[in-house]
Amino acid sequence: MDNLFKLQEIVGEYVRKKLAENYSFELWKDTLVADRSGDDKSISKIWSFFSGKFNVAKVTADVSASEDEWCPCLVIEFNWNIKSSKILFRVTLVKDQVQFVQVIDMMDISEQFGKNFDFHKEFSSKVVMFDSLK
């Protein structure tokens, strides 16, 4: 399972980098409007800077509020197409900060790929490096 925890770390780094380049309050606001109206095509277009083997499957926009403040929040689900499978990630974003990265169904993935599969290397070579060549 350590290999999956390392994968969560590199996915978090990758998502942080992409969001630092692309994320804004306007993007969140456009996502909120598209999410509330059920416009999946617009959401795909808004988040098209994630594409290829690592793409956005679903985005849910929300608002977190306390007594005095509110802040924009997102839950982003990503699909990573690897070999003949998909690995699903869930990333929680509050304001413009990644708070949490989760690999969905870790046990199934571990059984499918084996506990020694180097997800970090695979993600680095198939997603991160490919993205830097664009």
N, C-alpha and C. Protein backbone atom coordinates (compact mmCIF):
# COMPACT_ATOMS: atom_id res chain seq x y z
N MET A 1 0.82 -1.20 0.00
CA MET A 1 0.00 0.00 0.00
C MET A 1 0.86 1.26 0.00
N ASP A 2 2.12 1.15 0.41
CA ASP A 2 2.98 2.33 0.41
C ASP A 2 3.07 2.95 -0.99
N ASN A 3 3.05 2.07 -2.00
CA ASN A 3 3.14 2.59 -3.37
C ASN A 3 1.92 3.46 -3.71
N LEU A 4 0.76 3.15 -3.17
CA LEU A 4 -0.44 3.95 -3.42
C LEU A 4 -0.40 5.27 -2.64
N PHE A 5 0.20 5.24 -1.45
CA PHE A 5 0.35 6.49 -0.70
C PHE A 5 1.33 7.43 -1.41
N LYS A 6 2.38 6.85 -1.99
CA LYS A 6 3.31 7.67 -2.78
C LYS A 6 2.61 8.23 -4.01
N LEU A 7 1.72 7.43 -4.59
CA LEU A 7 0.95 7.90 -5.74
C LEU A 7 0.08 9.09 -5.34
N GLN A 8 -0.57 9.01 -4.19
CA GLN A 8 -1.38 10.13 -3.72
C GLN A 8 -0.54 11.39 -3.61
N GLU A 9 0.69 11.24 -3.13
CA GLU A 9 1.57 12.40 -2.97
C GLU A 9 1.91 13.03 -4.32
N ILE A 10 2.29 12.22 -5.29
CA ILE A 10 2.67 12.78 -6.59
C ILE A 10 1.45 13.36 -7.32
N VAL A 11 0.30 12.74 -7.16
CA VAL A 11 -0.92 13.29 -7.76
C VAL A 11 -1.23 14.65 -7.12
N GLY A 12 -1.08 14.74 -5.81
CA GLY A 12 -1.28 16.01 -5.12
C GLY A 12 -0.34 17.09 -5.64
N GLU A 13 0.92 16.76 -5.83
CA GLU A 13 1.90 17.71 -6.36
C GLU A 13 1.52 18.14 -7.77
N TYR A 14 1.14 17.18 -8.60
CA TYR A 14 0.77 17.47 -9.98
C TYR A 14 -0.46 18.38 -10.05
N VAL A 15 -1.48 18.05 -9.27
CA VAL A 15 -2.70 18.85 -9.25
C VAL A 15 -2.41 20.27 -8.73
N ARG A 16 -1.60 20.37 -7.67
CA ARG A 16 -1.23 21.69 -7.15
C ARG A 16 -0.55 22.54 -8.23
N LYS A 17 0.37 21.92 -8.97
CA LYS A 17 1.09 22.65 -10.02
C LYS A 17 0.13 23.12 -11.11
N LYS A 18 -0.74 22.23 -11.56
CA LYS A 18 -1.69 22.59 -12.62
C LYS A 18 -2.66 23.67 -12.14
N LEU A 19 -3.10 23.57 -10.90
CA LEU A 19 -4.01 24.58 -10.37
C LEU A 19 -3.31 25.92 -10.19
N ALA A 20 -2.05 25.91 -9.78
CA ALA A 20 -1.30 27.16 -9.63
C ALA A 20 -1.22 27.90 -10.97
N GLU A 21 -1.16 27.16 -12.06
CA GLU A 21 -1.08 27.75 -13.40
C GLU A 21 -2.45 28.19 -13.93
N ASN A 22 -3.53 27.56 -13.47
CA ASN A 22 -4.83 27.74 -14.12
C ASN A 22 -5.99 28.19 -13.24
N TYR A 23 -5.90 27.97 -11.94
CA TYR A 23 -7.05 28.18 -11.07
C TYR A 23 -7.24 29.65 -10.74
N SER A 24 -8.50 30.06 -10.71
CA SER A 24 -8.85 31.42 -10.32
C SER A 24 -10.26 31.41 -9.72
N PHE A 25 -10.62 32.51 -9.11
CA PHE A 25 -11.97 32.63 -8.58
C PHE A 25 -12.99 32.52 -9.72
N GLU A 26 -12.65 33.07 -10.88
CA GLU A 26 -13.54 33.01 -12.04
C GLU A 26 -13.78 31.56 -12.47
N LEU A 27 -12.74 30.74 -12.44
CA LEU A 27 -12.89 29.33 -12.80
C LEU A 27 -13.82 28.64 -11.81
N TRP A 28 -13.64 28.92 -10.51
CA TRP A 28 -14.54 28.34 -9.50
C TRP A 28 -15.97 28.80 -9.75
N LYS A 29 -16.16 30.08 -10.00
CA LYS A 29 -17.50 30.63 -10.21
C LYS A 29 -18.16 30.00 -11.44
N ASP A 30 -17.42 29.87 -12.54
CA ASP A 30 -17.95 29.22 -13.74
C ASP A 30 -18.30 27.77 -13.47
N THR A 31 -17.47 27.11 -12.67
CA THR A 31 -17.73 25.71 -12.30
C THR A 31 -18.98 25.61 -11.45
N LEU A 32 -19.15 26.52 -10.50
CA LEU A 32 -20.33 26.53 -9.65
C LEU A 32 -21.60 26.66 -10.47
N VAL A 33 -21.60 27.60 -11.41
CA VAL A 33 -22.77 27.81 -12.27
C VAL A 33 -23.05 26.57 -13.11
N ALA A 34 -22.01 25.99 -13.72
CA ALA A 34 -22.20 24.80 -14.55
C ALA A 34 -22.64 23.61 -13.72
N ASP A 35 -22.07 23.46 -12.52
CA ASP A 35 -22.44 22.36 -11.63
C ASP A 35 -23.90 22.46 -11.21
N ARG A 36 -24.33 23.65 -10.82
CA ARG A 36 -25.71 23.85 -10.37
C ARG A 36 -26.72 23.66 -11.49
N SER A 37 -26.30 23.95 -12.73
CA SER A 37 -27.22 23.78 -13.86
C SER A 37 -27.10 22.40 -14.51
N GLY A 38 -26.18 21.56 -14.00
CA GLY A 38 -26.03 20.21 -14.54
C GLY A 38 -25.38 20.17 -15.91
N ASP A 39 -24.59 21.17 -16.24
CA ASP A 39 -23.96 21.29 -17.56
C ASP A 39 -22.58 20.63 -17.56
N ASP A 40 -22.55 19.32 -17.75
CA ASP A 40 -21.30 18.56 -17.73
C ASP A 40 -20.36 18.95 -18.86
N LYS A 41 -20.90 19.34 -20.02
CA LYS A 41 -20.04 19.75 -21.14
C LYS A 41 -19.26 21.01 -20.79
N SER A 42 -19.92 21.95 -20.15
CA SER A 42 -19.22 23.18 -19.74
C SER A 42 -18.15 22.88 -18.71
N ILE A 43 -18.46 21.99 -17.78
CA ILE A 43 -17.46 21.63 -16.77
C ILE A 43 -16.25 21.00 -17.43
N SER A 44 -16.48 20.12 -18.40
CA SER A 44 -15.36 19.50 -19.12
C SER A 44 -14.53 20.55 -19.84
N LYS A 45 -15.19 21.52 -20.43
CA LYS A 45 -14.48 22.58 -21.14
C LYS A 45 -13.69 23.46 -20.17
N ILE A 46 -14.31 23.82 -19.05
CA ILE A 46 -13.65 24.66 -18.05
C ILE A 46 -12.38 23.99 -17.53
N TRP A 47 -12.45 22.69 -17.32
CA TRP A 47 -11.34 21.93 -16.72
C TRP A 47 -10.51 21.18 -17.76
N SER A 48 -10.54 21.63 -19.01
CA SER A 48 -9.84 20.93 -20.09
C SER A 48 -8.32 20.99 -19.96
N PHE A 49 -7.79 21.83 -19.06
CA PHE A 49 -6.34 21.85 -18.88
C PHE A 49 -5.85 20.55 -18.25
N PHE A 50 -6.75 19.74 -17.70
CA PHE A 50 -6.45 18.36 -17.32
C PHE A 50 -7.02 17.50 -18.44
N SER A 51 -6.17 16.87 -19.21
CA SER A 51 -6.68 16.05 -20.31
C SER A 51 -5.72 14.89 -20.58
N GLY A 52 -6.06 14.08 -21.55
CA GLY A 52 -5.23 12.94 -21.87
C GLY A 52 -5.51 11.77 -20.94
N LYS A 53 -4.46 11.17 -20.43
CA LYS A 53 -4.61 9.99 -19.57
C LYS A 53 -5.08 10.33 -18.16
N PHE A 54 -5.00 11.61 -17.79
CA PHE A 54 -5.42 12.05 -16.45
C PHE A 54 -6.42 13.18 -16.66
N ASN A 55 -7.70 12.86 -16.49
CA ASN A 55 -8.71 13.88 -16.81
C ASN A 55 -9.78 13.96 -15.74
N VAL A 56 -10.50 15.05 -15.79
CA VAL A 56 -11.55 15.31 -14.82
C VAL A 56 -12.78 14.47 -15.14
N ALA A 57 -13.26 13.72 -14.16
CA ALA A 57 -14.47 12.92 -14.32
C ALA A 57 -15.68 13.67 -13.81
N LYS A 58 -15.49 14.41 -12.71
CA LYS A 58 -16.61 15.11 -12.09
C LYS A 58 -16.07 16.23 -11.21
N VAL A 59 -16.78 17.35 -11.19
CA VAL A 59 -16.42 18.45 -10.30
C VAL A 59 -17.69 18.90 -9.58
N THR A 60 -17.58 19.03 -8.28
CA THR A 60 -18.69 19.54 -7.49
C THR A 60 -18.20 20.81 -6.80
N ALA A 61 -18.87 21.91 -7.08
CA ALA A 61 -18.50 23.19 -6.48
C ALA A 61 -19.41 23.46 -5.29
N ASP A 62 -18.84 24.09 -4.28
CA ASP A 62 -19.61 24.38 -3.08
C ASP A 62 -19.03 25.60 -2.39
N VAL A 63 -19.67 25.98 -1.31
CA VAL A 63 -19.22 27.10 -0.49
C VAL A 63 -19.12 26.60 0.94
N SER A 64 -18.01 26.91 1.58
CA SER A 64 -17.83 26.61 3.00
C SER A 64 -18.01 27.92 3.75
N ALA A 65 -18.76 27.89 4.82
CA ALA A 65 -19.02 29.13 5.54
C ALA A 65 -18.83 28.95 7.04
N SER A 66 -18.31 30.00 7.65
CA SER A 66 -18.27 30.08 9.10
C SER A 66 -19.09 31.31 9.49
N GLU A 67 -18.99 31.73 10.71
CA GLU A 67 -19.80 32.87 11.16
C GLU A 67 -19.53 34.13 10.34
N ASP A 68 -18.27 34.41 10.07
CA ASP A 68 -17.92 35.67 9.45
C ASP A 68 -17.47 35.56 8.00
N GLU A 69 -17.08 34.40 7.56
CA GLU A 69 -16.47 34.25 6.24
C GLU A 69 -17.11 33.13 5.43
N TRP A 70 -16.90 33.20 4.15
CA TRP A 70 -17.22 32.09 3.28
C TRP A 70 -16.02 31.88 2.37
N CYS A 71 -15.88 30.69 1.83
CA CYS A 71 -14.79 30.45 0.88
C CYS A 71 -15.23 29.41 -0.14
N PRO A 72 -14.68 29.51 -1.35
CA PRO A 72 -15.01 28.56 -2.40
C PRO A 72 -14.37 27.19 -2.15
N CYS A 73 -15.11 26.14 -2.44
CA CYS A 73 -14.62 24.77 -2.28
C CYS A 73 -14.95 23.97 -3.53
N LEU A 74 -14.12 23.00 -3.81
CA LEU A 74 -14.36 22.08 -4.93
C LEU A 74 -14.00 20.66 -4.50
N VAL A 75 -14.73 19.71 -5.01
CA VAL A 75 -14.33 18.32 -4.94
C VAL A 75 -14.20 17.89 -6.40
N ILE A 76 -12.98 17.50 -6.76
CA ILE A 76 -12.69 17.13 -8.15
C ILE A 76 -12.37 15.65 -8.18
N GLU A 77 -13.04 14.93 -9.07
CA GLU A 77 -12.71 13.51 -9.26
C GLU A 77 -12.01 13.37 -10.60
N PHE A 78 -10.88 12.68 -10.56
CA PHE A 78 -10.07 12.47 -11.75
C PHE A 78 -10.05 11.00 -12.11
N ASN A 79 -9.99 10.71 -13.40
CA ASN A 79 -9.71 9.37 -13.90
C ASN A 79 -8.29 9.35 -14.42
N TRP A 80 -7.55 8.35 -14.02
CA TRP A 80 -6.24 8.11 -14.62
C TRP A 80 -6.34 6.81 -15.38
N ASN A 81 -6.23 6.88 -16.71
CA ASN A 81 -6.27 5.69 -17.55
C ASN A 81 -4.88 5.08 -17.57
N ILE A 82 -4.77 3.91 -16.97
CA ILE A 82 -3.49 3.21 -16.86
C ILE A 82 -3.69 1.78 -17.30
N LYS A 83 -2.90 1.38 -18.27
CA LYS A 83 -3.04 0.06 -18.89
C LYS A 83 -4.48 -0.09 -19.35
N SER A 84 -5.17 -1.12 -18.96
CA SER A 84 -6.57 -1.27 -19.38
C SER A 84 -7.53 -0.94 -18.24
N SER A 85 -7.06 -0.15 -17.30
CA SER A 85 -7.86 0.18 -16.12
C SER A 85 -7.97 1.69 -15.95
N LYS A 86 -8.83 2.05 -15.01
CA LYS A 86 -8.95 3.44 -14.58
C LYS A 86 -8.76 3.47 -13.07
N ILE A 87 -7.98 4.45 -12.63
CA ILE A 87 -7.85 4.69 -11.20
C ILE A 87 -8.53 6.02 -10.95
N LEU A 88 -9.40 6.04 -9.96
CA LEU A 88 -10.16 7.23 -9.63
C LEU A 88 -9.55 7.92 -8.42
N PHE A 89 -9.37 9.25 -8.53
CA PHE A 89 -8.86 10.07 -7.44
C PHE A 89 -9.91 11.10 -7.06
N ARG A 90 -9.94 11.46 -5.81
CA ARG A 90 -10.79 12.55 -5.35
C ARG A 90 -9.88 13.58 -4.67
N VAL A 91 -9.99 14.82 -5.13
CA VAL A 91 -9.18 15.91 -4.60
C VAL A 91 -10.12 16.96 -4.02
N THR A 92 -9.87 17.36 -2.79
CA THR A 92 -10.66 18.39 -2.13
C THR A 92 -9.86 19.68 -2.12
N LEU A 93 -10.49 20.74 -2.59
CA LEU A 93 -9.85 22.05 -2.71
C LEU A 93 -10.65 23.07 -1.91
N VAL A 94 -9.99 23.79 -1.02
CA VAL A 94 -10.63 24.86 -0.25
C VAL A 94 -9.85 26.13 -0.56
N LYS A 95 -10.59 27.16 -0.97
CA LYS A 95 -10.00 28.38 -1.52
C LYS A 95 -9.17 27.95 -2.72
N ASP A 96 -7.88 28.12 -2.68
CA ASP A 96 -7.05 27.68 -3.80
C ASP A 96 -6.02 26.65 -3.35
N GLN A 97 -6.31 25.97 -2.25
CA GLN A 97 -5.37 25.01 -1.67
C GLN A 97 -5.90 23.59 -1.71
N VAL A 98 -5.08 22.67 -2.20
CA VAL A 98 -5.44 21.25 -2.16
C VAL A 98 -5.35 20.80 -0.71
N GLN A 99 -6.47 20.35 -0.18
CA GLN A 99 -6.52 19.91 1.22
C GLN A 99 -6.33 18.41 1.38
N PHE A 100 -6.78 17.66 0.36
CA PHE A 100 -6.81 16.21 0.52
C PHE A 100 -6.81 15.55 -0.85
N VAL A 101 -6.02 14.49 -0.99
CA VAL A 101 -6.00 13.67 -2.20
C VAL A 101 -6.27 12.24 -1.76
N GLN A 102 -7.20 11.60 -2.43
CA GLN A 102 -7.58 10.24 -2.05
C GLN A 102 -7.65 9.35 -3.29
N VAL A 103 -6.99 8.20 -3.22
CA VAL A 103 -7.16 7.17 -4.24
C VAL A 103 -8.40 6.39 -3.84
N ILE A 104 -9.36 6.30 -4.75
CA ILE A 104 -10.61 5.59 -4.46
C ILE A 104 -10.39 4.10 -4.70
N ASP A 105 -10.86 3.29 -3.79
CA ASP A 105 -10.81 1.82 -3.86
C ASP A 105 -9.38 1.28 -3.91
N MET A 106 -8.59 1.69 -2.93
CA MET A 106 -7.18 1.28 -2.85
C MET A 106 -6.99 -0.23 -2.83
N MET A 107 -7.84 -0.93 -2.10
CA MET A 107 -7.66 -2.38 -1.98
C MET A 107 -7.81 -3.06 -3.33
N ASP A 108 -8.81 -2.68 -4.09
CA ASP A 108 -9.01 -3.28 -5.41
C ASP A 108 -7.84 -2.98 -6.34
N ILE A 109 -7.34 -1.76 -6.29
CA ILE A 109 -6.21 -1.38 -7.14
C ILE A 109 -4.96 -2.15 -6.74
N SER A 110 -4.75 -2.29 -5.45
CA SER A 110 -3.60 -3.03 -4.95
C SER A 110 -3.65 -4.49 -5.39
N GLU A 111 -4.82 -5.08 -5.33
CA GLU A 111 -4.98 -6.46 -5.78
C GLU A 111 -4.78 -6.58 -7.28
N GLN A 112 -5.29 -5.63 -8.03
CA GLN A 112 -5.22 -5.67 -9.49
C GLN A 112 -3.78 -5.49 -10.00
N PHE A 113 -3.02 -4.57 -9.41
CA PHE A 113 -1.69 -4.26 -9.91
C PHE A 113 -0.57 -4.92 -9.10
N GLY A 114 -0.89 -5.42 -7.93
CA GLY A 114 0.13 -6.01 -7.07
C GLY A 114 0.75 -4.97 -6.16
N LYS A 115 1.29 -5.42 -5.05
CA LYS A 115 1.79 -4.46 -4.07
C LYS A 115 3.15 -3.88 -4.43
N ASN A 116 3.80 -4.38 -5.46
CA ASN A 116 5.11 -3.86 -5.84
C ASN A 116 5.08 -2.99 -7.09
N PHE A 117 3.91 -2.76 -7.65
CA PHE A 117 3.80 -1.93 -8.85
C PHE A 117 4.22 -0.50 -8.53
N ASP A 118 5.06 0.08 -9.37
CA ASP A 118 5.58 1.43 -9.13
C ASP A 118 4.67 2.48 -9.76
N PHE A 119 3.61 2.84 -9.04
CA PHE A 119 2.65 3.83 -9.53
C PHE A 119 3.32 5.19 -9.72
N HIS A 120 4.22 5.53 -8.82
CA HIS A 120 4.92 6.82 -8.87
C HIS A 120 5.66 6.96 -10.21
N LYS A 121 6.42 5.94 -10.55
CA LYS A 121 7.18 5.95 -11.81
C LYS A 121 6.24 6.00 -13.01
N GLU A 122 5.18 5.21 -12.97
CA GLU A 122 4.21 5.15 -14.07
C GLU A 122 3.53 6.51 -14.26
N PHE A 123 3.10 7.13 -13.18
CA PHE A 123 2.44 8.43 -13.26
C PHE A 123 3.41 9.49 -13.75
N SER A 124 4.62 9.46 -13.24
CA SER A 124 5.64 10.44 -13.65
C SER A 124 5.93 10.35 -15.14
N SER A 125 6.06 9.14 -15.64
CA SER A 125 6.42 8.97 -17.05
C SER A 125 5.23 9.11 -18.01
N LYS A 126 4.05 8.72 -17.60
CA LYS A 126 2.91 8.73 -18.50
C LYS A 126 2.05 9.99 -18.43
N VAL A 127 2.08 10.69 -17.29
CA VAL A 127 1.25 11.88 -17.13
C VAL A 127 2.09 13.14 -17.00
N VAL A 128 2.95 13.18 -16.01
CA VAL A 128 3.72 14.39 -15.73
C VAL A 128 4.66 14.74 -16.88
N MET A 129 5.44 13.76 -17.34
CA MET A 129 6.38 14.02 -18.43
C MET A 129 5.65 14.35 -19.72
N PHE A 130 4.59 13.62 -20.02
CA PHE A 130 3.81 13.88 -21.24
C PHE A 130 3.23 15.29 -21.19
N ASP A 131 2.72 15.69 -20.04
CA ASP A 131 2.13 17.02 -19.88
C ASP A 131 3.17 18.11 -20.09
N SER A 132 4.39 17.88 -19.64
CA SER A 132 5.43 18.89 -19.80
C SER A 132 5.88 19.04 -21.25
N LEU A 133 5.60 18.04 -22.08
CA LEU A 133 5.95 18.10 -23.51
C LEU A 133 4.94 18.86 -24.35
N LYS A 134 3.76 19.16 -23.77
CA LYS A 134 2.72 19.86 -24.52
C LYS A 134 3.14 21.26 -24.86
